[in-house]
Amino acid sequence: MTQDKAEPAEGSRAPGKSQSGRTQLRVGRLVKAHGLKGAIKLELYTDDPEGRFVPGATFTLQVPESSPWHGKPLTVREFKWMNSHPVAFFDGVEDRTAAESLIRAILWIDQDAETAAEDDAWYDHQLVGLDVVRDGDVVGRVVRVDHLPAQDLLIVGVPGDGAAREILVPFVKAIVPEVDVVAGRVVVTPPAGLFEELPDEDEPVADEPIAADED
């Protein structure tokens, strides 16, 4: 998961392992049907699209259980750039209707055994359980990572007087400037109001003492 950009990159772990037992990497999302012959525009989460989307490359699909594609692999037939947009054709997707049934699907692929870890990239299981530190104090713990189309979120469990509450922290460098897996912590610099309630603007302000007039 690369910071700076509010989008995930290769390095995010798929929910569970593949049938081969390997960790999986998220490499793309299908965002829009293109034309009438089954082409689909891609949102890329990889720095090597030509290497990942070669003809014959097969992906695991993350789709709702109600989708007709649930549990099925998806294989690339052709990959090209159209007006600077990445577009792919897939086996079994022959028309626009079939393409539209795949929109919002996320594509995962087995991690190559020889692939080195990216800078500023972590798997979900490395982040879950880390202490969340703000201004030198531990304010909570990462309980999960949510992957949304716009950005990734760290879900931070924060203890309270009653049940623990969850804070959604955008996983961008401006708010999460440091991740130290070895030390077991992430450092956050959140904007005001993310971890605490801001006072109501209509709340009365306590009267300040008025200095006595000097003669």
Protein backbone atom coordinates (compact mmCIF):
# COMPACT_ATOMS: atom_id res chain seq x y z
CA MET A 1 0.00 0.00 0.00
CA THR A 2 1.74 3.17 -1.12
CA GLN A 3 1.20 6.35 0.79
CA ASP A 4 1.31 9.91 -0.68
CA LYS A 5 -1.23 8.97 -3.34
CA ALA A 6 -4.68 8.29 -1.95
CA GLU A 7 -4.87 4.97 -3.72
CA PRO A 8 -3.60 1.49 -2.95
CA ALA A 9 -0.76 -0.08 -4.88
CA GLU A 10 0.63 -3.56 -5.15
CA GLY A 11 1.40 -4.74 -1.67
CA SER A 12 -2.11 -4.93 -0.23
CA ARG A 13 -3.08 -8.41 0.87
CA ALA A 14 -6.12 -10.12 -0.52
CA PRO A 15 -8.75 -11.40 1.91
CA GLY A 16 -7.20 -14.78 2.65
CA LYS A 17 -4.77 -16.80 0.57
CA SER A 18 -5.11 -18.16 -2.92
CA GLN A 19 -5.64 -21.86 -3.51
CA SER A 20 -1.89 -22.14 -3.97
CA GLY A 21 -1.43 -20.85 -0.43
CA ARG A 22 0.40 -17.73 -1.63
CA THR A 23 -0.28 -14.22 -0.43
CA GLN A 24 -2.13 -12.23 -3.08
CA LEU A 25 -1.54 -8.70 -4.33
CA ARG A 26 -4.21 -6.29 -5.50
CA VAL A 27 -3.26 -5.03 -8.96
CA GLY A 28 -6.34 -3.34 -10.37
CA ARG A 29 -10.03 -2.53 -10.30
CA LEU A 30 -12.53 -2.66 -13.17
CA VAL A 31 -14.15 0.76 -13.38
CA LYS A 32 -16.10 1.22 -16.62
CA ALA A 33 -17.29 -0.68 -19.68
CA HIS A 34 -15.68 0.65 -22.85
CA GLY A 35 -17.39 0.19 -26.20
CA LEU A 36 -19.61 -2.70 -27.22
CA LYS A 37 -17.12 -5.59 -27.47
CA GLY A 38 -16.47 -6.27 -23.78
CA ALA A 39 -13.55 -3.91 -23.14
CA ILE A 40 -13.22 -2.58 -19.59
CA LYS A 41 -11.31 0.45 -18.32
CA LEU A 42 -8.98 -0.24 -15.40
CA GLU A 43 -7.85 1.57 -12.30
CA LEU A 44 -4.28 0.34 -11.84
CA TYR A 45 -2.68 -0.51 -8.51
CA THR A 46 0.59 -1.69 -10.02
CA ASP A 47 3.65 0.05 -11.44
CA ASP A 48 4.02 -2.65 -14.11
CA PRO A 49 0.69 -2.91 -15.96
CA GLU A 50 2.25 -4.30 -19.14
CA GLY A 51 3.89 -7.04 -17.09
CA ARG A 52 0.82 -7.86 -15.03
CA PHE A 53 -1.82 -7.71 -17.77
CA VAL A 54 -0.13 -9.82 -20.43
CA PRO A 55 -2.43 -12.10 -22.48
CA GLY A 56 -3.05 -15.24 -20.47
CA ALA A 57 -2.58 -13.62 -17.05
CA THR A 58 -5.29 -14.88 -14.71
CA PHE A 59 -6.70 -12.99 -11.73
CA THR A 60 -8.75 -13.85 -8.68
CA LEU A 61 -11.86 -11.67 -8.52
CA GLN A 62 -13.12 -9.85 -5.46
CA VAL A 63 -16.85 -9.47 -6.11
CA PRO A 64 -20.02 -9.82 -4.02
CA GLU A 65 -21.22 -13.37 -3.43
CA SER A 66 -24.34 -12.51 -5.40
CA SER A 67 -22.27 -11.77 -8.51
CA PRO A 68 -22.31 -14.40 -11.30
CA TRP A 69 -18.50 -13.99 -11.33
CA HIS A 70 -18.05 -14.96 -7.68
CA GLY A 71 -15.48 -17.73 -7.37
CA LYS A 72 -14.47 -17.54 -11.03
CA PRO A 73 -11.05 -16.52 -12.37
CA LEU A 74 -10.64 -13.80 -15.00
CA THR A 75 -8.05 -14.17 -17.78
CA VAL A 76 -6.61 -11.35 -19.90
CA ARG A 77 -7.10 -11.62 -23.67
CA GLU A 78 -5.70 -8.22 -24.62
CA PHE A 79 -4.39 -5.11 -22.85
CA LYS A 80 -3.97 -1.68 -24.48
CA TRP A 81 -4.00 2.06 -23.82
CA MET A 82 -6.83 4.11 -25.29
CA ASN A 83 -6.57 7.89 -24.95
CA SER A 84 -4.13 7.38 -22.04
CA HIS A 85 -6.59 5.06 -20.25
CA PRO A 86 -5.69 1.41 -19.58
CA VAL A 87 -8.24 -0.94 -21.15
CA ALA A 88 -8.40 -4.73 -21.12
CA PHE A 89 -10.36 -7.49 -22.84
CA PHE A 90 -10.96 -10.69 -20.88
CA ASP A 91 -11.90 -14.24 -21.83
CA GLY A 92 -15.65 -14.81 -21.58
CA VAL A 93 -16.45 -11.09 -21.66
CA GLU A 94 -17.72 -10.63 -25.19
CA ASP A 95 -20.07 -7.66 -24.98
CA ARG A 96 -20.93 -4.55 -22.99
CA THR A 97 -23.51 -6.36 -20.84
CA ALA A 98 -20.93 -8.87 -19.65
CA ALA A 99 -18.42 -6.07 -19.07
CA GLU A 100 -20.89 -4.10 -16.95
CA SER A 101 -21.47 -7.15 -14.74
CA LEU A 102 -17.81 -6.89 -13.70
CA ILE A 103 -17.66 -3.19 -12.85
CA ARG A 104 -16.12 -2.47 -9.41
CA ALA A 105 -14.54 -5.93 -9.27
CA ILE A 106 -11.04 -5.91 -7.76
CA LEU A 107 -8.29 -8.00 -9.36
CA TRP A 108 -5.82 -10.00 -7.26
CA ILE A 109 -2.84 -12.09 -8.33
CA ASP A 110 -0.47 -14.43 -6.51
CA GLN A 111 2.61 -12.66 -5.23
CA ASP A 112 5.75 -13.74 -7.05
CA ALA A 113 8.10 -15.53 -4.69
CA GLU A 114 11.00 -13.42 -5.96
CA THR A 115 9.16 -10.09 -5.73
CA ALA A 116 10.88 -7.72 -3.33
CA ALA A 117 8.81 -5.65 -0.95
CA GLU A 118 8.06 -2.12 -2.10
CA ASP A 119 9.16 0.94 -0.18
CA ASP A 120 6.33 2.24 2.00
CA ALA A 121 4.23 -0.86 1.28
CA TRP A 122 2.72 -3.23 3.82
CA TYR A 123 0.35 -6.16 3.93
CA ASP A 124 -2.83 -5.80 5.94
CA HIS A 125 -1.71 -8.38 8.48
CA GLN A 126 1.42 -6.30 9.18
CA LEU A 127 -0.69 -3.26 10.07
CA VAL A 128 -3.43 -4.91 12.12
CA GLY A 129 -2.53 -4.86 15.80
CA LEU A 130 -0.08 -1.95 15.63
CA ASP A 131 -0.35 0.71 18.33
CA VAL A 132 -1.48 4.10 17.09
CA VAL A 133 0.65 6.87 18.58
CA ARG A 134 -0.28 10.55 18.64
CA ASP A 135 1.98 13.17 20.21
CA GLY A 136 3.92 10.40 21.93
CA ASP A 137 0.85 8.76 23.51
CA VAL A 138 -0.85 5.53 22.44
CA VAL A 139 -4.42 6.46 21.51
CA GLY A 140 -5.62 3.17 20.02
CA ARG A 141 -4.78 0.14 17.93
CA VAL A 142 -5.28 -0.76 14.26
CA VAL A 143 -8.08 -3.35 14.11
CA ARG A 144 -8.39 -3.68 10.32
CA VAL A 145 -7.69 -2.01 7.00
CA ASP A 146 -10.54 -1.05 4.68
CA HIS A 147 -9.81 -0.69 0.96
CA LEU A 148 -12.10 1.85 -0.68
CA PRO A 149 -12.04 3.07 -4.28
CA ALA A 150 -10.77 6.52 -3.30
CA GLN A 151 -8.27 5.54 -0.61
CA ASP A 152 -7.38 3.05 2.09
CA LEU A 153 -8.49 3.55 5.69
CA LEU A 154 -6.91 2.38 8.92
CA ILE A 155 -9.71 1.41 11.30
CA VAL A 156 -8.44 2.31 14.76
CA GLY A 157 -10.05 0.92 17.91
CA VAL A 158 -10.07 3.60 20.61
CA PRO A 159 -10.91 2.67 24.22
CA GLY A 160 -13.62 4.68 25.90
CA ASP A 161 -15.75 4.81 29.05
CA GLY A 162 -18.11 2.23 27.54
CA ALA A 163 -17.56 0.09 24.47
CA ALA A 164 -14.53 0.83 22.34
CA ARG A 165 -15.26 3.02 19.32
CA GLU A 166 -13.68 2.91 15.88
CA ILE A 167 -12.00 5.84 14.15
CA LEU A 168 -11.51 5.85 10.37
CA VAL A 169 -8.07 7.24 9.59
CA PRO A 170 -7.20 7.95 5.93
CA PHE A 171 -3.98 6.07 5.18
CA VAL A 172 -2.13 8.96 3.56
CA LYS A 173 1.28 10.33 4.49
CA ALA A 174 -0.08 13.67 5.70
CA ILE A 175 -2.04 11.87 8.46
CA VAL A 176 0.05 8.69 8.90
CA PRO A 177 3.64 9.92 8.45
CA GLU A 178 5.33 6.89 10.02
CA VAL A 179 4.78 3.13 10.04
CA ASP A 180 7.23 1.12 12.14
CA VAL A 181 6.27 -2.54 11.97
CA VAL A 182 9.32 -3.61 13.98
CA ALA A 183 8.46 -1.21 16.81
CA GLY A 184 4.79 -2.18 16.56
CA ARG A 185 3.39 1.29 15.97
CA VAL A 186 2.06 3.82 13.51
CA VAL A 187 2.38 7.53 14.18
CA VAL A 188 -0.59 9.72 13.32
CA THR A 189 -0.95 13.48 12.98
CA PRO A 190 -4.71 13.75 12.51
CA PRO A 191 -6.65 16.96 11.93
CA ALA A 192 -8.62 18.37 14.84
CA GLY A 193 -11.84 16.49 15.43
CA LEU A 194 -10.77 13.11 14.06
CA PHE A 195 -10.07 11.55 17.46
CA GLU A 196 -12.00 13.94 19.69
CA GLU A 197 -15.19 15.91 19.50
CA LEU A 198 -14.77 19.59 18.79
CA PRO A 199 -16.64 22.01 21.04
CA ASP A 200 -19.93 23.26 19.65
CA GLU A 201 -19.51 26.71 18.15
CA ASP A 202 -22.74 27.74 19.89
CA GLU A 203 -21.48 26.73 23.33
CA PRO A 204 -21.16 29.75 25.63
CA VAL A 205 -17.60 30.74 26.42
CA ALA A 206 -16.80 31.19 30.08
CA ASP A 207 -16.68 34.84 31.09
CA GLU A 208 -13.19 36.17 31.41
CA PRO A 209 -12.36 38.31 34.42
CA ILE A 210 -12.47 42.00 33.68
CA ALA A 211 -9.54 43.98 34.88
CA ALA A 212 -10.39 46.81 37.22
CA ASP A 213 -9.98 50.26 35.78
CA GLU A 214 -6.89 52.01 36.97
CA ASP A 215 -7.30 55.46 38.33
